[in-house]
Amino acid sequence: MNPGSQPQPTIPTTIAPWLSVAGGADAVAFYTASFGAEQVYRIEDPDGNVVARLSIDGAEFWLSDDSSRTSDSAPAVRMILTVPDPDAVFGRAIAAGAQVVCPVSEEHGWRVGRLVDPFGHHWEVARPVGDAGSSG
């Protein structure tokens, strides 16, 4: 290291989902209202197109406007959001405009429900029951 130079911060290796949406500002508002997401980073161009990094209790994901998406083109990704109270989070998402695919119930060792958000992304909102979901 050269004298007077600053040590470089350690950058962790991560993989994070990136959702392409039509209506980025609306998507940020939806994920904030329904899942309690916090906005970590956001840029917006003069036309209102958004790129944002959101965090749900430390679980981060990105989203951005994608003008090539149409309402009839379904995304090829499904998200699973593991939370302490899936019933409450699921209810908030439905109240914020999501549609029920499968209501919250217990199956295969999980309390889980599936919804589709207003931007076409499918989310499973879940928590393990008992020993389900443990690694080891």
N, C-alpha and C. Protein backbone atom coordinates (compact mmCIF):
# COMPACT_ATOMS: atom_id res chain seq x y z
N MET A 1 0.85 -1.17 0.00
CA MET A 1 0.00 0.00 0.00
C MET A 1 0.90 1.23 0.00
N ASN A 2 0.54 2.20 -0.80
CA ASN A 2 1.29 3.45 -0.85
C ASN A 2 1.00 4.28 0.39
N PRO A 3 2.02 4.99 0.89
CA PRO A 3 1.77 5.86 2.05
C PRO A 3 0.68 6.87 1.73
N GLY A 4 -0.24 7.05 2.66
CA GLY A 4 -1.32 8.03 2.48
C GLY A 4 -2.52 7.51 1.72
N SER A 5 -2.41 6.32 1.15
CA SER A 5 -3.57 5.80 0.43
C SER A 5 -4.54 5.16 1.41
N GLN A 6 -5.79 5.21 1.07
CA GLN A 6 -6.84 4.67 1.93
C GLN A 6 -7.04 3.18 1.62
N PRO A 7 -7.25 2.37 2.65
CA PRO A 7 -7.57 0.97 2.38
C PRO A 7 -8.93 0.89 1.69
N GLN A 8 -9.04 -0.04 0.77
CA GLN A 8 -10.29 -0.23 0.04
C GLN A 8 -11.28 -1.00 0.90
N PRO A 9 -12.55 -0.60 0.89
CA PRO A 9 -13.53 -1.34 1.67
C PRO A 9 -13.70 -2.75 1.10
N THR A 10 -14.02 -3.67 1.98
CA THR A 10 -14.27 -5.03 1.55
C THR A 10 -15.66 -5.09 0.93
N ILE A 11 -15.74 -5.57 -0.28
CA ILE A 11 -17.01 -5.71 -0.98
C ILE A 11 -17.39 -7.18 -0.95
N PRO A 12 -18.50 -7.51 -0.27
CA PRO A 12 -18.91 -8.92 -0.21
C PRO A 12 -19.46 -9.39 -1.55
N THR A 13 -19.29 -10.66 -1.82
CA THR A 13 -19.88 -11.26 -3.00
C THR A 13 -21.33 -11.60 -2.68
N THR A 14 -22.25 -11.14 -3.51
CA THR A 14 -23.67 -11.40 -3.30
C THR A 14 -24.35 -11.71 -4.62
N ILE A 15 -25.50 -12.32 -4.52
CA ILE A 15 -26.40 -12.49 -5.66
C ILE A 15 -27.74 -11.95 -5.18
N ALA A 16 -28.34 -11.08 -5.96
CA ALA A 16 -29.63 -10.50 -5.59
C ALA A 16 -30.58 -10.54 -6.78
N PRO A 17 -31.83 -10.85 -6.55
CA PRO A 17 -32.81 -10.80 -7.63
C PRO A 17 -32.98 -9.37 -8.15
N TRP A 18 -33.29 -9.26 -9.43
CA TRP A 18 -33.56 -7.96 -10.05
C TRP A 18 -34.86 -8.12 -10.82
N LEU A 19 -35.90 -7.40 -10.38
CA LEU A 19 -37.21 -7.49 -11.00
C LEU A 19 -37.37 -6.38 -12.02
N SER A 20 -37.76 -6.74 -13.24
CA SER A 20 -38.10 -5.76 -14.26
C SER A 20 -39.60 -5.52 -14.19
N VAL A 21 -39.99 -4.27 -14.10
CA VAL A 21 -41.40 -3.93 -13.92
C VAL A 21 -41.80 -2.81 -14.86
N ALA A 22 -43.08 -2.71 -15.13
CA ALA A 22 -43.64 -1.55 -15.80
C ALA A 22 -44.22 -0.69 -14.69
N GLY A 23 -43.56 0.42 -14.37
CA GLY A 23 -44.02 1.29 -13.28
C GLY A 23 -43.16 1.15 -12.04
N GLY A 24 -41.90 1.49 -12.14
CA GLY A 24 -40.96 1.32 -11.04
C GLY A 24 -41.34 2.07 -9.77
N ALA A 25 -41.79 3.30 -9.90
CA ALA A 25 -42.17 4.07 -8.71
C ALA A 25 -43.35 3.40 -8.00
N ASP A 26 -44.31 2.90 -8.78
CA ASP A 26 -45.45 2.19 -8.20
C ASP A 26 -45.00 0.90 -7.53
N ALA A 27 -44.02 0.22 -8.13
CA ALA A 27 -43.51 -1.03 -7.55
C ALA A 27 -42.84 -0.76 -6.21
N VAL A 28 -42.04 0.30 -6.12
CA VAL A 28 -41.40 0.65 -4.85
C VAL A 28 -42.48 0.90 -3.80
N ALA A 29 -43.51 1.64 -4.16
CA ALA A 29 -44.60 1.93 -3.21
C ALA A 29 -45.31 0.65 -2.78
N PHE A 30 -45.55 -0.26 -3.72
CA PHE A 30 -46.23 -1.53 -3.39
C PHE A 30 -45.38 -2.36 -2.44
N TYR A 31 -44.11 -2.56 -2.74
CA TYR A 31 -43.26 -3.42 -1.91
C TYR A 31 -43.04 -2.80 -0.53
N THR A 32 -43.04 -1.48 -0.46
CA THR A 32 -42.92 -0.81 0.84
C THR A 32 -44.18 -1.04 1.67
N ALA A 33 -45.35 -0.85 1.05
CA ALA A 33 -46.62 -1.00 1.77
C ALA A 33 -46.92 -2.45 2.13
N SER A 34 -46.63 -3.37 1.22
CA SER A 34 -47.05 -4.75 1.43
C SER A 34 -46.04 -5.57 2.22
N PHE A 35 -44.76 -5.44 1.92
CA PHE A 35 -43.74 -6.28 2.52
C PHE A 35 -42.86 -5.53 3.53
N GLY A 36 -43.13 -4.25 3.74
CA GLY A 36 -42.32 -3.48 4.67
C GLY A 36 -40.92 -3.20 4.15
N ALA A 37 -40.76 -3.18 2.84
CA ALA A 37 -39.44 -2.94 2.25
C ALA A 37 -38.96 -1.53 2.55
N GLU A 38 -37.65 -1.40 2.71
CA GLU A 38 -37.02 -0.10 2.86
C GLU A 38 -36.19 0.17 1.63
N GLN A 39 -36.22 1.41 1.18
CA GLN A 39 -35.45 1.80 0.01
C GLN A 39 -34.01 2.06 0.42
N VAL A 40 -33.08 1.30 -0.14
CA VAL A 40 -31.66 1.43 0.17
C VAL A 40 -30.99 2.38 -0.82
N TYR A 41 -31.43 2.34 -2.06
CA TYR A 41 -30.80 3.10 -3.14
C TYR A 41 -31.87 3.37 -4.18
N ARG A 42 -31.83 4.54 -4.79
CA ARG A 42 -32.79 4.84 -5.85
C ARG A 42 -32.23 5.92 -6.75
N ILE A 43 -32.37 5.71 -8.04
CA ILE A 43 -32.12 6.76 -9.01
C ILE A 43 -33.35 6.83 -9.90
N GLU A 44 -33.61 8.01 -10.40
CA GLU A 44 -34.77 8.22 -11.26
C GLU A 44 -34.35 9.16 -12.37
N ASP A 45 -34.64 8.78 -13.62
CA ASP A 45 -34.26 9.65 -14.73
C ASP A 45 -35.35 10.71 -14.95
N PRO A 46 -35.09 11.68 -15.82
CA PRO A 46 -36.07 12.75 -16.04
C PRO A 46 -37.44 12.26 -16.51
N ASP A 47 -37.49 11.08 -17.12
CA ASP A 47 -38.76 10.52 -17.58
C ASP A 47 -39.49 9.75 -16.49
N GLY A 48 -38.91 9.67 -15.29
CA GLY A 48 -39.55 8.97 -14.18
C GLY A 48 -39.21 7.50 -14.08
N ASN A 49 -38.31 7.00 -14.93
CA ASN A 49 -37.89 5.60 -14.84
C ASN A 49 -37.01 5.41 -13.62
N VAL A 50 -37.25 4.33 -12.89
CA VAL A 50 -36.62 4.10 -11.59
C VAL A 50 -35.72 2.88 -11.63
N VAL A 51 -34.60 2.97 -10.94
CA VAL A 51 -33.79 1.82 -10.54
C VAL A 51 -33.68 1.93 -9.03
N ALA A 52 -34.05 0.85 -8.31
CA ALA A 52 -34.04 0.91 -6.85
C ALA A 52 -33.54 -0.40 -6.27
N ARG A 53 -32.85 -0.27 -5.15
CA ARG A 53 -32.47 -1.44 -4.34
C ARG A 53 -33.30 -1.36 -3.07
N LEU A 54 -34.02 -2.43 -2.78
CA LEU A 54 -34.89 -2.49 -1.62
C LEU A 54 -34.41 -3.57 -0.67
N SER A 55 -34.77 -3.42 0.60
CA SER A 55 -34.39 -4.39 1.62
C SER A 55 -35.61 -4.72 2.47
N ILE A 56 -35.86 -6.01 2.64
CA ILE A 56 -36.90 -6.49 3.54
C ILE A 56 -36.18 -7.20 4.68
N ASP A 57 -36.05 -6.52 5.81
CA ASP A 57 -35.33 -7.06 6.97
C ASP A 57 -33.95 -7.59 6.58
N GLY A 58 -33.24 -6.87 5.73
CA GLY A 58 -31.89 -7.24 5.34
C GLY A 58 -31.80 -8.09 4.08
N ALA A 59 -32.91 -8.61 3.59
CA ALA A 59 -32.92 -9.38 2.34
C ALA A 59 -33.13 -8.40 1.19
N GLU A 60 -32.09 -8.22 0.38
CA GLU A 60 -32.13 -7.18 -0.64
C GLU A 60 -32.50 -7.72 -2.01
N PHE A 61 -33.18 -6.85 -2.78
CA PHE A 61 -33.45 -7.11 -4.19
C PHE A 61 -33.51 -5.78 -4.91
N TRP A 62 -33.38 -5.85 -6.22
CA TRP A 62 -33.39 -4.67 -7.06
C TRP A 62 -34.64 -4.69 -7.93
N LEU A 63 -35.02 -3.52 -8.41
CA LEU A 63 -36.06 -3.44 -9.43
C LEU A 63 -35.76 -2.26 -10.33
N SER A 64 -36.29 -2.33 -11.53
CA SER A 64 -36.15 -1.21 -12.46
C SER A 64 -37.29 -1.24 -13.46
N ASP A 65 -37.55 -0.06 -14.02
CA ASP A 65 -38.51 0.03 -15.11
C ASP A 65 -37.95 -0.69 -16.32
N ASP A 66 -38.81 -1.40 -17.01
CA ASP A 66 -38.42 -2.10 -18.23
C ASP A 66 -39.50 -1.82 -19.26
N SER A 67 -39.22 -0.90 -20.16
CA SER A 67 -40.23 -0.50 -21.14
C SER A 67 -40.54 -1.61 -22.13
N SER A 68 -39.71 -2.64 -22.20
CA SER A 68 -39.98 -3.74 -23.14
C SER A 68 -41.01 -4.71 -22.59
N ARG A 69 -41.29 -4.65 -21.27
CA ARG A 69 -42.29 -5.55 -20.68
C ARG A 69 -43.69 -5.07 -21.01
N THR A 70 -44.55 -6.01 -21.30
CA THR A 70 -45.96 -5.70 -21.48
C THR A 70 -46.74 -6.43 -20.40
N SER A 71 -47.96 -6.00 -20.19
CA SER A 71 -48.76 -6.59 -19.11
C SER A 71 -49.06 -8.05 -19.35
N ASP A 72 -49.00 -8.51 -20.60
CA ASP A 72 -49.31 -9.92 -20.87
C ASP A 72 -48.07 -10.81 -20.93
N SER A 73 -46.89 -10.26 -20.67
CA SER A 73 -45.69 -11.10 -20.65
C SER A 73 -45.34 -11.41 -19.20
N ALA A 74 -45.55 -12.66 -18.82
CA ALA A 74 -45.33 -13.07 -17.43
C ALA A 74 -43.84 -13.20 -17.13
N PRO A 75 -43.41 -12.72 -15.97
CA PRO A 75 -42.01 -12.89 -15.58
C PRO A 75 -41.69 -14.37 -15.39
N ALA A 76 -40.45 -14.72 -15.59
CA ALA A 76 -40.03 -16.12 -15.47
C ALA A 76 -39.37 -16.39 -14.14
N VAL A 77 -39.72 -15.65 -13.11
CA VAL A 77 -39.09 -15.82 -11.81
C VAL A 77 -40.19 -15.85 -10.75
N ARG A 78 -39.96 -16.64 -9.71
CA ARG A 78 -40.84 -16.63 -8.54
C ARG A 78 -39.98 -16.34 -7.33
N MET A 79 -40.45 -15.44 -6.47
CA MET A 79 -39.71 -15.06 -5.28
C MET A 79 -40.32 -15.79 -4.09
N ILE A 80 -39.49 -16.14 -3.10
CA ILE A 80 -40.00 -16.64 -1.83
C ILE A 80 -39.50 -15.70 -0.74
N LEU A 81 -40.44 -15.18 0.02
CA LEU A 81 -40.15 -14.25 1.11
C LEU A 81 -40.44 -14.97 2.41
N THR A 82 -39.40 -15.30 3.15
CA THR A 82 -39.54 -16.01 4.42
C THR A 82 -39.59 -14.98 5.54
N VAL A 83 -40.69 -14.98 6.28
CA VAL A 83 -40.94 -13.99 7.33
C VAL A 83 -41.51 -14.67 8.56
N PRO A 84 -41.45 -14.02 9.73
CA PRO A 84 -42.01 -14.63 10.94
C PRO A 84 -43.53 -14.80 10.89
N ASP A 85 -44.25 -13.88 10.23
CA ASP A 85 -45.71 -13.93 10.21
C ASP A 85 -46.23 -13.82 8.77
N PRO A 86 -46.24 -14.93 8.03
CA PRO A 86 -46.67 -14.86 6.64
C PRO A 86 -48.13 -14.43 6.48
N ASP A 87 -48.98 -14.75 7.45
CA ASP A 87 -50.39 -14.35 7.33
C ASP A 87 -50.52 -12.83 7.29
N ALA A 88 -49.80 -12.13 8.16
CA ALA A 88 -49.87 -10.67 8.21
C ALA A 88 -49.29 -10.04 6.94
N VAL A 89 -48.14 -10.52 6.50
CA VAL A 89 -47.50 -9.97 5.30
C VAL A 89 -48.37 -10.24 4.08
N PHE A 90 -48.90 -11.45 3.97
CA PHE A 90 -49.78 -11.82 2.86
C PHE A 90 -51.00 -10.89 2.84
N GLY A 91 -51.59 -10.66 4.00
CA GLY A 91 -52.76 -9.79 4.09
C GLY A 91 -52.46 -8.37 3.65
N ARG A 92 -51.29 -7.85 4.05
CA ARG A 92 -50.90 -6.49 3.63
C ARG A 92 -50.71 -6.43 2.12
N ALA A 93 -50.12 -7.48 1.55
CA ALA A 93 -49.89 -7.49 0.10
C ALA A 93 -51.22 -7.50 -0.65
N ILE A 94 -52.17 -8.28 -0.19
CA ILE A 94 -53.48 -8.33 -0.83
C ILE A 94 -54.16 -6.96 -0.70
N ALA A 95 -54.09 -6.36 0.47
CA ALA A 95 -54.68 -5.04 0.69
C ALA A 95 -54.04 -3.99 -0.20
N ALA A 96 -52.76 -4.18 -0.55
CA ALA A 96 -52.03 -3.21 -1.38
C ALA A 96 -52.22 -3.46 -2.87
N GLY A 97 -52.96 -4.52 -3.23
CA GLY A 97 -53.26 -4.74 -4.65
C GLY A 97 -52.82 -6.05 -5.25
N ALA A 98 -52.18 -6.93 -4.48
CA ALA A 98 -51.80 -8.25 -5.00
C ALA A 98 -53.04 -9.13 -5.12
N GLN A 99 -52.93 -10.19 -5.91
CA GLN A 99 -54.01 -11.16 -6.08
C GLN A 99 -53.59 -12.50 -5.51
N VAL A 100 -54.52 -13.18 -4.85
CA VAL A 100 -54.25 -14.49 -4.27
C VAL A 100 -54.13 -15.53 -5.38
N VAL A 101 -53.04 -16.31 -5.34
CA VAL A 101 -52.91 -17.49 -6.18
C VAL A 101 -53.29 -18.71 -5.34
N CYS A 102 -52.68 -18.84 -4.17
CA CYS A 102 -53.01 -19.88 -3.19
C CYS A 102 -53.03 -19.22 -1.82
N PRO A 103 -54.12 -19.34 -1.07
CA PRO A 103 -54.15 -18.72 0.26
C PRO A 103 -53.13 -19.35 1.20
N VAL A 104 -52.80 -18.65 2.25
CA VAL A 104 -51.85 -19.15 3.24
C VAL A 104 -52.43 -20.39 3.91
N SER A 105 -51.62 -21.44 3.95
CA SER A 105 -52.00 -22.70 4.60
C SER A 105 -50.72 -23.42 4.99
N GLU A 106 -50.87 -24.53 5.69
CA GLU A 106 -49.70 -25.33 6.05
C GLU A 106 -49.60 -26.53 5.12
N GLU A 107 -48.42 -26.67 4.52
CA GLU A 107 -48.17 -27.82 3.66
C GLU A 107 -46.67 -28.08 3.59
N HIS A 108 -46.32 -29.34 3.57
CA HIS A 108 -44.92 -29.77 3.43
C HIS A 108 -44.00 -29.12 4.46
N GLY A 109 -44.51 -28.89 5.67
CA GLY A 109 -43.69 -28.33 6.73
C GLY A 109 -43.53 -26.82 6.68
N TRP A 110 -44.34 -26.16 5.88
CA TRP A 110 -44.27 -24.70 5.76
C TRP A 110 -45.65 -24.10 5.93
N ARG A 111 -45.71 -22.90 6.47
CA ARG A 111 -46.91 -22.07 6.42
C ARG A 111 -46.65 -21.12 5.26
N VAL A 112 -47.41 -21.25 4.19
CA VAL A 112 -47.08 -20.57 2.94
C VAL A 112 -48.33 -20.19 2.16
N GLY A 113 -48.26 -19.06 1.51
CA GLY A 113 -49.28 -18.63 0.57
C GLY A 113 -48.60 -18.04 -0.65
N ARG A 114 -49.29 -18.07 -1.78
CA ARG A 114 -48.70 -17.55 -3.02
C ARG A 114 -49.61 -16.45 -3.57
N LEU A 115 -48.97 -15.37 -4.00
CA LEU A 115 -49.71 -14.25 -4.58
C LEU A 115 -48.98 -13.75 -5.82
N VAL A 116 -49.70 -13.00 -6.63
CA VAL A 116 -49.08 -12.32 -7.76
C VAL A 116 -49.24 -10.83 -7.52
N ASP A 117 -48.12 -10.11 -7.61
CA ASP A 117 -48.15 -8.68 -7.34
C ASP A 117 -48.70 -7.93 -8.56
N PRO A 118 -48.98 -6.64 -8.42
CA PRO A 118 -49.55 -5.88 -9.54
C PRO A 118 -48.63 -5.78 -10.76
N PHE A 119 -47.39 -6.25 -10.63
CA PHE A 119 -46.43 -6.16 -11.72
C PHE A 119 -46.17 -7.51 -12.36
N GLY A 120 -46.95 -8.53 -11.94
CA GLY A 120 -46.89 -9.85 -12.56
C GLY A 120 -45.93 -10.83 -11.91
N HIS A 121 -45.24 -10.44 -10.84
CA HIS A 121 -44.30 -11.35 -10.18
C HIS A 121 -45.02 -12.19 -9.13
N HIS A 122 -44.70 -13.47 -9.12
CA HIS A 122 -45.28 -14.38 -8.14
C HIS A 122 -44.38 -14.44 -6.91
N TRP A 123 -45.00 -14.37 -5.74
CA TRP A 123 -44.31 -14.39 -4.45
C TRP A 123 -44.92 -15.48 -3.60
N GLU A 124 -44.09 -16.30 -2.99
CA GLU A 124 -44.53 -17.18 -1.93
C GLU A 124 -44.10 -16.51 -0.63
N VAL A 125 -45.05 -16.31 0.26
CA VAL A 125 -44.79 -15.69 1.56
C VAL A 125 -44.91 -16.81 2.58
N ALA A 126 -43.82 -17.08 3.32
CA ALA A 126 -43.78 -18.34 4.06
C ALA A 126 -42.93 -18.26 5.32
N ARG A 127 -43.09 -19.31 6.13
CA ARG A 127 -42.18 -19.57 7.24
C ARG A 127 -42.18 -21.08 7.46
N PRO A 128 -41.04 -21.63 7.86
CA PRO A 128 -41.01 -23.06 8.16
C PRO A 128 -41.78 -23.34 9.44
N VAL A 129 -42.38 -24.51 9.50
CA VAL A 129 -43.10 -24.96 10.69
C VAL A 129 -42.30 -26.11 11.28
N GLY A 130 -41.95 -26.02 12.54
CA GLY A 130 -41.15 -27.08 13.16
C GLY A 130 -39.75 -27.10 12.60
N ASP A 131 -39.28 -28.28 12.16
CA ASP A 131 -37.92 -28.44 11.65
C ASP A 131 -37.80 -28.19 10.16
N ALA A 132 -38.90 -27.90 9.47
CA ALA A 132 -38.84 -27.69 8.02
C ALA A 132 -37.97 -26.49 7.71
N GLY A 133 -37.27 -26.56 6.62
CA GLY A 133 -36.47 -25.44 6.17
C GLY A 133 -35.14 -25.31 6.86
N SER A 134 -34.87 -26.15 7.86
CA SER A 134 -33.56 -26.05 8.52
C SER A 134 -32.53 -26.76 7.68
N SER A 135 -31.34 -26.23 7.69
CA SER A 135 -30.26 -26.88 6.94
C SER A 135 -29.40 -27.65 7.91
N GLY A 136 -29.13 -28.87 7.55
CA GLY A 136 -28.25 -29.62 8.42
C GLY A 136 -28.84 -30.88 8.74
